[in-house]
N, C-alpha and C. Protein backbone atom coordinates (compact mmCIF):
# COMPACT_ATOMS: atom_id res chain seq x y z
N MET A 1 -14.03 -2.29 -3.76
CA MET A 1 -12.64 -1.97 -3.53
C MET A 1 -12.34 -2.23 -2.06
N LYS A 2 -11.16 -2.82 -1.78
CA LYS A 2 -10.75 -3.12 -0.41
C LYS A 2 -9.57 -2.23 -0.03
N TYR A 3 -9.61 -1.75 1.22
CA TYR A 3 -8.57 -0.87 1.74
C TYR A 3 -8.12 -1.34 3.11
N ILE A 4 -6.90 -1.00 3.47
CA ILE A 4 -6.39 -1.20 4.81
C ILE A 4 -6.17 0.19 5.38
N THR A 5 -6.86 0.50 6.47
CA THR A 5 -6.73 1.80 7.13
C THR A 5 -6.09 1.58 8.48
N THR A 6 -5.03 2.34 8.74
CA THR A 6 -4.33 2.23 10.02
C THR A 6 -4.56 3.51 10.80
N VAL A 7 -5.05 3.34 12.03
CA VAL A 7 -5.26 4.45 12.96
C VAL A 7 -4.51 4.09 14.23
N GLY A 8 -3.45 4.86 14.53
CA GLY A 8 -2.60 4.50 15.66
C GLY A 8 -1.93 3.17 15.35
N ASP A 9 -2.10 2.20 16.25
CA ASP A 9 -1.50 0.88 16.02
C ASP A 9 -2.55 -0.15 15.61
N GLN A 10 -3.75 0.30 15.23
CA GLN A 10 -4.80 -0.61 14.81
C GLN A 10 -5.01 -0.56 13.31
N GLU A 11 -5.20 -1.74 12.70
CA GLU A 11 -5.51 -1.83 11.27
C GLU A 11 -6.96 -2.24 11.10
N PHE A 12 -7.61 -1.63 10.11
CA PHE A 12 -9.00 -1.94 9.80
C PHE A 12 -9.09 -2.34 8.34
N ALA A 13 -9.71 -3.49 8.06
CA ALA A 13 -9.94 -3.94 6.69
C ALA A 13 -11.30 -3.37 6.26
N ILE A 14 -11.28 -2.50 5.27
CA ILE A 14 -12.48 -1.82 4.82
C ILE A 14 -12.77 -2.19 3.38
N GLU A 15 -14.00 -2.61 3.14
CA GLU A 15 -14.42 -2.94 1.78
C GLU A 15 -15.64 -2.09 1.44
N ILE A 16 -15.56 -1.38 0.33
CA ILE A 16 -16.70 -0.61 -0.13
C ILE A 16 -17.57 -1.55 -0.95
N ILE A 17 -18.72 -1.88 -0.41
CA ILE A 17 -19.63 -2.83 -1.06
C ILE A 17 -20.38 -2.12 -2.18
N ASP A 18 -21.01 -0.99 -1.85
CA ASP A 18 -21.66 -0.12 -2.83
C ASP A 18 -21.74 1.27 -2.22
N GLU A 19 -22.44 2.18 -2.86
CA GLU A 19 -22.44 3.57 -2.36
C GLU A 19 -23.18 3.73 -1.04
N ASN A 20 -23.89 2.70 -0.59
CA ASN A 20 -24.64 2.79 0.66
C ASN A 20 -24.23 1.77 1.72
N GLN A 21 -23.21 0.95 1.43
CA GLN A 21 -22.77 -0.04 2.41
C GLN A 21 -21.26 -0.21 2.37
N VAL A 22 -20.67 -0.35 3.57
CA VAL A 22 -19.27 -0.68 3.70
C VAL A 22 -19.14 -1.79 4.72
N SER A 23 -18.06 -2.54 4.61
CA SER A 23 -17.73 -3.58 5.57
C SER A 23 -16.44 -3.15 6.27
N VAL A 24 -16.46 -3.17 7.61
CA VAL A 24 -15.27 -2.85 8.40
C VAL A 24 -14.96 -4.09 9.23
N ASN A 25 -13.80 -4.70 8.94
CA ASN A 25 -13.40 -5.95 9.62
C ASN A 25 -14.50 -7.00 9.57
N GLY A 26 -15.20 -7.07 8.42
CA GLY A 26 -16.22 -8.09 8.22
C GLY A 26 -17.62 -7.70 8.66
N LYS A 27 -17.78 -6.59 9.36
CA LYS A 27 -19.12 -6.16 9.80
C LYS A 27 -19.65 -5.11 8.81
N VAL A 28 -20.88 -5.32 8.31
CA VAL A 28 -21.46 -4.45 7.30
C VAL A 28 -22.22 -3.30 7.96
N TYR A 29 -21.99 -2.08 7.43
CA TYR A 29 -22.66 -0.87 7.93
C TYR A 29 -23.38 -0.20 6.78
N ASP A 30 -24.61 0.29 7.08
CA ASP A 30 -25.35 1.13 6.13
C ASP A 30 -24.83 2.55 6.32
N ILE A 31 -24.45 3.21 5.23
CA ILE A 31 -23.87 4.55 5.33
C ILE A 31 -24.48 5.52 4.33
N ASP A 32 -24.30 6.78 4.63
CA ASP A 32 -24.58 7.86 3.69
C ASP A 32 -23.61 8.97 4.07
N TYR A 33 -22.90 9.52 3.12
CA TYR A 33 -21.97 10.61 3.43
C TYR A 33 -22.03 11.67 2.35
N GLN A 34 -21.80 12.89 2.76
CA GLN A 34 -21.81 14.02 1.85
C GLN A 34 -20.69 14.97 2.22
N ASN A 35 -20.01 15.51 1.21
CA ASN A 35 -19.05 16.57 1.42
C ASN A 35 -19.84 17.87 1.53
N ILE A 36 -19.51 18.70 2.51
CA ILE A 36 -20.27 19.93 2.72
C ILE A 36 -19.58 21.11 2.04
N SER A 37 -20.20 21.64 1.02
CA SER A 37 -19.77 22.85 0.31
C SER A 37 -18.32 22.82 -0.15
N GLY A 38 -17.81 21.67 -0.57
CA GLY A 38 -16.44 21.60 -1.07
C GLY A 38 -15.38 21.82 -0.01
N GLN A 39 -15.76 21.85 1.25
CA GLN A 39 -14.82 22.04 2.36
C GLN A 39 -14.32 20.66 2.83
N PRO A 40 -13.30 20.63 3.69
CA PRO A 40 -12.84 19.33 4.20
C PRO A 40 -13.74 18.83 5.35
N VAL A 41 -15.05 19.05 5.18
CA VAL A 41 -16.03 18.67 6.19
C VAL A 41 -17.00 17.66 5.56
N PHE A 42 -17.26 16.57 6.29
CA PHE A 42 -18.13 15.52 5.77
C PHE A 42 -19.23 15.20 6.76
N SER A 43 -20.44 15.06 6.25
CA SER A 43 -21.58 14.58 7.04
C SER A 43 -21.66 13.09 6.79
N LEU A 44 -21.72 12.31 7.86
CA LEU A 44 -21.70 10.85 7.74
C LEU A 44 -22.82 10.26 8.57
N LEU A 45 -23.65 9.44 7.93
CA LEU A 45 -24.68 8.68 8.63
C LEU A 45 -24.25 7.23 8.63
N VAL A 46 -24.14 6.62 9.81
CA VAL A 46 -23.75 5.22 9.93
C VAL A 46 -24.81 4.50 10.74
N ASN A 47 -25.51 3.56 10.10
CA ASN A 47 -26.60 2.82 10.75
C ASN A 47 -27.54 3.76 11.49
N GLY A 48 -27.85 4.91 10.89
CA GLY A 48 -28.80 5.84 11.47
C GLY A 48 -28.18 6.88 12.39
N GLY A 49 -26.93 6.69 12.84
CA GLY A 49 -26.26 7.68 13.69
C GLY A 49 -25.61 8.74 12.82
N SER A 50 -25.63 10.00 13.29
CA SER A 50 -25.10 11.12 12.51
C SER A 50 -23.77 11.59 13.08
N PHE A 51 -22.79 11.83 12.18
CA PHE A 51 -21.46 12.28 12.57
C PHE A 51 -21.03 13.39 11.63
N LEU A 52 -20.25 14.33 12.17
CA LEU A 52 -19.66 15.38 11.35
C LEU A 52 -18.16 15.25 11.51
N GLY A 53 -17.44 15.07 10.41
CA GLY A 53 -16.00 14.88 10.45
C GLY A 53 -15.27 15.90 9.61
N HIS A 54 -14.09 16.28 10.07
CA HIS A 54 -13.21 17.17 9.33
C HIS A 54 -12.00 16.35 8.92
N VAL A 55 -11.64 16.39 7.63
CA VAL A 55 -10.53 15.58 7.12
C VAL A 55 -9.53 16.50 6.43
N TYR A 56 -8.26 16.44 6.87
CA TYR A 56 -7.19 17.27 6.32
C TYR A 56 -6.01 16.37 5.94
N ASP A 57 -5.24 16.80 4.94
CA ASP A 57 -4.00 16.10 4.61
C ASP A 57 -3.02 16.29 5.75
N GLY A 58 -2.35 15.21 6.15
CA GLY A 58 -1.33 15.27 7.19
C GLY A 58 0.05 15.16 6.60
N ASP A 59 1.01 14.73 7.39
CA ASP A 59 2.37 14.52 6.92
C ASP A 59 2.41 13.31 5.99
N GLU A 60 3.24 13.40 4.95
CA GLU A 60 3.46 12.32 3.99
C GLU A 60 2.14 11.76 3.49
N ASP A 61 1.84 10.48 3.78
CA ASP A 61 0.64 9.83 3.26
C ASP A 61 -0.46 9.70 4.31
N THR A 62 -0.51 10.59 5.28
CA THR A 62 -1.50 10.46 6.34
C THR A 62 -2.64 11.45 6.17
N LEU A 63 -3.72 11.15 6.85
CA LEU A 63 -4.86 12.05 6.92
C LEU A 63 -5.07 12.40 8.39
N GLN A 64 -5.45 13.64 8.65
CA GLN A 64 -5.84 14.07 9.98
C GLN A 64 -7.36 14.11 9.99
N VAL A 65 -7.98 13.34 10.89
CA VAL A 65 -9.43 13.25 10.94
C VAL A 65 -9.90 13.71 12.32
N LEU A 66 -10.71 14.77 12.34
CA LEU A 66 -11.28 15.28 13.58
C LEU A 66 -12.72 14.80 13.64
N LEU A 67 -13.01 13.94 14.62
CA LEU A 67 -14.32 13.33 14.74
C LEU A 67 -14.72 13.30 16.21
N ARG A 68 -15.85 13.93 16.52
CA ARG A 68 -16.37 13.97 17.90
C ARG A 68 -15.34 14.52 18.88
N GLY A 69 -14.61 15.55 18.46
CA GLY A 69 -13.66 16.20 19.34
C GLY A 69 -12.32 15.51 19.49
N THR A 70 -12.11 14.39 18.80
CA THR A 70 -10.85 13.66 18.88
C THR A 70 -10.16 13.71 17.53
N LEU A 71 -8.85 14.01 17.54
CA LEU A 71 -8.07 14.07 16.31
C LEU A 71 -7.37 12.73 16.12
N TYR A 72 -7.60 12.11 14.97
CA TYR A 72 -7.00 10.82 14.63
C TYR A 72 -6.05 11.02 13.45
N GLU A 73 -4.96 10.30 13.44
CA GLU A 73 -4.07 10.26 12.28
C GLU A 73 -4.26 8.91 11.62
N ALA A 74 -4.57 8.91 10.33
CA ALA A 74 -4.89 7.67 9.63
C ALA A 74 -4.10 7.57 8.33
N THR A 75 -3.76 6.35 7.96
CA THR A 75 -3.21 6.07 6.64
C THR A 75 -4.16 5.10 5.95
N VAL A 76 -4.36 5.29 4.66
CA VAL A 76 -5.27 4.44 3.90
C VAL A 76 -4.50 3.92 2.68
N GLU A 77 -4.50 2.60 2.51
CA GLU A 77 -3.84 1.97 1.36
C GLU A 77 -4.80 0.95 0.78
N ASP A 78 -4.82 0.83 -0.55
CA ASP A 78 -5.58 -0.28 -1.08
C ASP A 78 -4.72 -1.54 -0.92
N GLU A 79 -5.36 -2.69 -0.99
CA GLU A 79 -4.65 -3.95 -0.74
C GLU A 79 -3.43 -4.11 -1.65
N ARG A 80 -3.56 -3.72 -2.91
CA ARG A 80 -2.47 -3.85 -3.87
C ARG A 80 -1.27 -3.01 -3.45
N GLU A 81 -1.52 -1.73 -3.06
CA GLU A 81 -0.43 -0.86 -2.60
C GLU A 81 0.29 -1.45 -1.40
N LYS A 82 -0.48 -1.99 -0.47
CA LYS A 82 0.10 -2.56 0.74
C LYS A 82 1.01 -3.74 0.40
N ARG A 83 0.54 -4.62 -0.52
CA ARG A 83 1.37 -5.77 -0.93
C ARG A 83 2.65 -5.30 -1.61
N LEU A 84 2.52 -4.28 -2.49
CA LEU A 84 3.70 -3.77 -3.19
C LEU A 84 4.69 -3.14 -2.22
N ARG A 85 4.19 -2.37 -1.25
CA ARG A 85 5.07 -1.74 -0.27
C ARG A 85 5.79 -2.80 0.55
N ALA A 86 5.07 -3.84 0.96
CA ALA A 86 5.67 -4.92 1.73
C ALA A 86 6.73 -5.64 0.91
N ALA A 87 6.44 -5.87 -0.38
CA ALA A 87 7.40 -6.56 -1.24
C ALA A 87 8.62 -5.70 -1.49
N ALA A 88 8.43 -4.38 -1.52
CA ALA A 88 9.54 -3.47 -1.76
C ALA A 88 10.32 -3.22 -0.48
N GLY A 89 9.91 -3.87 0.59
CA GLY A 89 10.69 -3.80 1.82
C GLY A 89 10.32 -2.65 2.71
N GLY A 90 9.05 -2.23 2.72
CA GLY A 90 8.65 -1.18 3.64
C GLY A 90 9.11 -1.55 5.03
N GLY A 91 9.95 -0.73 5.64
CA GLY A 91 10.47 -1.02 6.97
C GLY A 91 11.66 -1.96 6.94
N ALA A 92 12.32 -2.15 5.81
CA ALA A 92 13.46 -3.05 5.72
C ALA A 92 14.63 -2.52 6.54
N ALA A 93 15.39 -3.42 7.10
CA ALA A 93 16.55 -3.03 7.90
C ALA A 93 17.58 -2.33 7.02
N ASP A 94 18.39 -1.46 7.65
CA ASP A 94 19.40 -0.71 6.91
C ASP A 94 20.64 -1.53 6.59
N SER A 95 20.77 -2.71 7.18
CA SER A 95 21.94 -3.54 6.91
C SER A 95 21.51 -5.00 6.84
N GLY A 96 22.43 -5.86 6.39
CA GLY A 96 22.10 -7.28 6.21
C GLY A 96 21.47 -7.50 4.86
N GLU A 97 21.07 -8.73 4.61
CA GLU A 97 20.49 -9.07 3.32
C GLU A 97 19.01 -8.71 3.28
N PHE A 98 18.59 -8.11 2.17
CA PHE A 98 17.18 -7.85 1.89
C PHE A 98 16.79 -8.71 0.70
N VAL A 99 15.71 -9.49 0.85
CA VAL A 99 15.25 -10.37 -0.22
C VAL A 99 13.95 -9.79 -0.79
N LEU A 100 13.95 -9.52 -2.10
CA LEU A 100 12.76 -9.02 -2.79
C LEU A 100 11.96 -10.21 -3.28
N LYS A 101 10.70 -10.28 -2.85
CA LYS A 101 9.81 -11.36 -3.27
C LYS A 101 8.66 -10.78 -4.07
N ALA A 102 8.11 -11.57 -4.96
CA ALA A 102 6.98 -11.13 -5.80
C ALA A 102 5.75 -10.90 -4.93
N PRO A 103 5.16 -9.70 -5.00
CA PRO A 103 3.96 -9.42 -4.20
C PRO A 103 2.71 -10.09 -4.77
N MET A 104 2.81 -10.55 -6.03
CA MET A 104 1.67 -11.17 -6.71
C MET A 104 2.23 -11.98 -7.87
N PRO A 105 1.48 -12.92 -8.41
CA PRO A 105 1.96 -13.63 -9.60
C PRO A 105 2.01 -12.67 -10.78
N GLY A 106 2.95 -12.90 -11.69
CA GLY A 106 3.03 -12.02 -12.84
C GLY A 106 4.16 -12.39 -13.77
N LEU A 107 4.46 -11.46 -14.67
CA LEU A 107 5.49 -11.64 -15.68
C LEU A 107 6.56 -10.57 -15.47
N VAL A 108 7.81 -10.99 -15.39
CA VAL A 108 8.92 -10.05 -15.24
C VAL A 108 9.09 -9.34 -16.58
N VAL A 109 8.93 -8.01 -16.59
CA VAL A 109 9.04 -7.21 -17.81
C VAL A 109 10.48 -6.77 -18.01
N LYS A 110 11.12 -6.32 -16.93
CA LYS A 110 12.47 -5.79 -17.04
C LYS A 110 13.18 -5.90 -15.70
N VAL A 111 14.47 -6.20 -15.76
CA VAL A 111 15.33 -6.20 -14.58
C VAL A 111 16.48 -5.24 -14.90
N PRO A 112 16.35 -3.96 -14.49
CA PRO A 112 17.35 -2.96 -14.86
C PRO A 112 18.64 -3.03 -14.03
N VAL A 113 18.75 -4.01 -13.15
CA VAL A 113 19.97 -4.17 -12.35
C VAL A 113 20.56 -5.55 -12.61
N GLU A 114 21.83 -5.70 -12.25
CA GLU A 114 22.46 -7.01 -12.34
C GLU A 114 23.31 -7.20 -11.09
N GLU A 115 23.80 -8.40 -10.90
CA GLU A 115 24.61 -8.67 -9.72
C GLU A 115 25.79 -7.71 -9.67
N GLY A 116 26.02 -7.12 -8.50
CA GLY A 116 27.11 -6.17 -8.31
C GLY A 116 26.70 -4.72 -8.50
N THR A 117 25.47 -4.46 -8.98
CA THR A 117 25.00 -3.10 -9.18
C THR A 117 24.77 -2.41 -7.83
N GLU A 118 25.33 -1.20 -7.69
CA GLU A 118 25.08 -0.38 -6.49
C GLU A 118 23.76 0.33 -6.71
N VAL A 119 22.85 0.26 -5.71
CA VAL A 119 21.56 0.92 -5.82
C VAL A 119 21.32 1.83 -4.63
N SER A 120 20.49 2.83 -4.85
CA SER A 120 20.08 3.75 -3.79
C SER A 120 18.63 3.49 -3.44
N LYS A 121 18.23 3.90 -2.27
CA LYS A 121 16.84 3.76 -1.85
C LYS A 121 15.95 4.41 -2.91
N GLY A 122 14.92 3.68 -3.34
CA GLY A 122 13.98 4.20 -4.34
C GLY A 122 14.30 3.81 -5.77
N ASP A 123 15.51 3.27 -6.03
CA ASP A 123 15.85 2.83 -7.39
C ASP A 123 14.99 1.63 -7.77
N VAL A 124 14.60 1.56 -9.05
CA VAL A 124 13.79 0.44 -9.53
C VAL A 124 14.69 -0.80 -9.65
N LEU A 125 14.26 -1.87 -9.00
CA LEU A 125 15.00 -3.13 -9.05
C LEU A 125 14.43 -4.06 -10.11
N LEU A 126 13.11 -3.98 -10.33
CA LEU A 126 12.46 -4.92 -11.22
C LEU A 126 11.09 -4.35 -11.60
N ILE A 127 10.65 -4.65 -12.83
CA ILE A 127 9.30 -4.27 -13.25
C ILE A 127 8.52 -5.56 -13.48
N LEU A 128 7.40 -5.66 -12.75
CA LEU A 128 6.58 -6.87 -12.79
C LEU A 128 5.20 -6.51 -13.35
N GLU A 129 4.75 -7.25 -14.37
CA GLU A 129 3.41 -7.03 -14.93
C GLU A 129 2.46 -8.05 -14.33
N SER A 130 1.35 -7.52 -13.81
CA SER A 130 0.32 -8.38 -13.25
C SER A 130 -1.03 -7.75 -13.57
N MET A 131 -1.96 -8.53 -14.07
CA MET A 131 -3.30 -8.05 -14.43
C MET A 131 -3.21 -6.83 -15.36
N LYS A 132 -2.31 -6.89 -16.34
CA LYS A 132 -2.12 -5.86 -17.36
C LYS A 132 -1.62 -4.53 -16.81
N MET A 133 -1.06 -4.54 -15.58
CA MET A 133 -0.49 -3.33 -14.99
C MET A 133 0.98 -3.59 -14.70
N GLN A 134 1.83 -2.61 -15.02
CA GLN A 134 3.24 -2.74 -14.72
C GLN A 134 3.53 -2.10 -13.36
N ASN A 135 4.20 -2.86 -12.49
CA ASN A 135 4.50 -2.42 -11.14
C ASN A 135 6.01 -2.32 -10.97
N GLU A 136 6.49 -1.14 -10.58
CA GLU A 136 7.91 -0.95 -10.32
C GLU A 136 8.21 -1.36 -8.88
N LEU A 137 9.06 -2.35 -8.71
CA LEU A 137 9.46 -2.77 -7.38
C LEU A 137 10.77 -2.06 -7.08
N LYS A 138 10.76 -1.22 -6.03
CA LYS A 138 11.89 -0.33 -5.75
C LYS A 138 12.69 -0.79 -4.54
N SER A 139 13.94 -0.33 -4.50
CA SER A 139 14.83 -0.66 -3.39
C SER A 139 14.40 0.08 -2.13
N PRO A 140 14.30 -0.63 -1.00
CA PRO A 140 13.91 0.01 0.25
C PRO A 140 15.07 0.73 0.93
N ARG A 141 16.30 0.53 0.40
CA ARG A 141 17.48 1.14 1.02
C ARG A 141 18.65 1.11 0.04
N ASP A 142 19.73 1.77 0.41
CA ASP A 142 20.97 1.71 -0.37
C ASP A 142 21.57 0.31 -0.21
N GLY A 143 22.28 -0.15 -1.23
CA GLY A 143 22.92 -1.45 -1.13
C GLY A 143 23.51 -1.90 -2.46
N THR A 144 23.92 -3.15 -2.48
CA THR A 144 24.49 -3.76 -3.67
C THR A 144 23.69 -5.02 -3.99
N VAL A 145 23.29 -5.16 -5.26
CA VAL A 145 22.57 -6.35 -5.69
C VAL A 145 23.55 -7.52 -5.64
N ASN A 146 23.21 -8.57 -4.87
CA ASN A 146 24.15 -9.70 -4.82
C ASN A 146 23.62 -10.94 -5.53
N ARG A 147 22.30 -11.04 -5.74
CA ARG A 147 21.75 -12.17 -6.50
C ARG A 147 20.56 -11.70 -7.31
N VAL A 148 20.49 -12.12 -8.57
CA VAL A 148 19.32 -11.89 -9.42
C VAL A 148 18.88 -13.27 -9.89
N LEU A 149 17.67 -13.66 -9.50
CA LEU A 149 17.21 -15.02 -9.77
C LEU A 149 16.22 -15.12 -10.93
N VAL A 150 15.85 -13.97 -11.54
CA VAL A 150 14.89 -13.97 -12.64
C VAL A 150 15.40 -13.08 -13.76
N LYS A 151 14.77 -13.21 -14.93
CA LYS A 151 15.12 -12.36 -16.07
C LYS A 151 13.83 -11.95 -16.77
N ALA A 152 13.92 -10.95 -17.63
CA ALA A 152 12.76 -10.49 -18.39
C ALA A 152 12.14 -11.67 -19.12
N GLY A 153 10.80 -11.76 -19.04
CA GLY A 153 10.09 -12.84 -19.70
C GLY A 153 9.72 -13.99 -18.78
N ASP A 154 10.33 -14.04 -17.59
CA ASP A 154 10.02 -15.11 -16.64
C ASP A 154 8.65 -14.89 -16.00
N SER A 155 7.90 -15.97 -15.85
CA SER A 155 6.66 -15.92 -15.07
C SER A 155 7.03 -16.25 -13.64
N VAL A 156 6.44 -15.51 -12.69
CA VAL A 156 6.75 -15.74 -11.28
C VAL A 156 5.47 -15.91 -10.48
N GLU A 157 5.59 -16.61 -9.39
CA GLU A 157 4.47 -16.85 -8.47
C GLU A 157 4.56 -15.87 -7.32
N GLN A 158 3.44 -15.63 -6.65
CA GLN A 158 3.43 -14.77 -5.48
C GLN A 158 4.40 -15.32 -4.43
N ARG A 159 5.16 -14.44 -3.80
CA ARG A 159 6.15 -14.74 -2.76
C ARG A 159 7.41 -15.45 -3.29
N GLN A 160 7.55 -15.56 -4.61
CA GLN A 160 8.77 -16.14 -5.17
C GLN A 160 9.90 -15.14 -5.02
N THR A 161 11.09 -15.60 -4.62
CA THR A 161 12.24 -14.73 -4.46
C THR A 161 12.72 -14.29 -5.85
N LEU A 162 12.92 -12.96 -6.01
CA LEU A 162 13.32 -12.39 -7.29
C LEU A 162 14.79 -12.00 -7.30
N LEU A 163 15.23 -11.31 -6.24
CA LEU A 163 16.62 -10.90 -6.12
C LEU A 163 16.91 -10.54 -4.68
N SER A 164 18.19 -10.27 -4.38
CA SER A 164 18.53 -9.86 -3.02
C SER A 164 19.60 -8.77 -3.05
N LEU A 165 19.62 -7.98 -1.96
CA LEU A 165 20.57 -6.89 -1.78
C LEU A 165 21.39 -7.15 -0.53
N GLU A 166 22.61 -6.66 -0.54
CA GLU A 166 23.45 -6.66 0.68
C GLU A 166 23.67 -5.23 1.08
């Protein structure tokens, strides 16, 4: 499984190779970790070095990690979530045109909006099936659908424009 972890303004590409190895930005580390007594405390061995970390839920989708006396705020997303969030306009501007593009190749299952439909942030704009999973692509902001370029049953390629909002 591959994840993108953001700490501050740095992103780390993390791949879990097996239960004893992980890759961080392409560098492989031998690891062993244990949760201590069901508490938010973890014992971590990395290439023979020992660390004790405390992990707590933070605001929204963040984790608070206390490691070696330093508190870090981290977000962890799998690659698929990150692509979907980007396609749904994570960080989209509040005005101007927003273009929804396919985050992955797939089959359009449903388009519950049409041109002229008023939408609110979080409303489903399109349902895309990829690898036997249905993904709801949601509006990143309030607006009006001004173009719909696909319909249910259409096959789409990654980064293909699906619709746009004003």
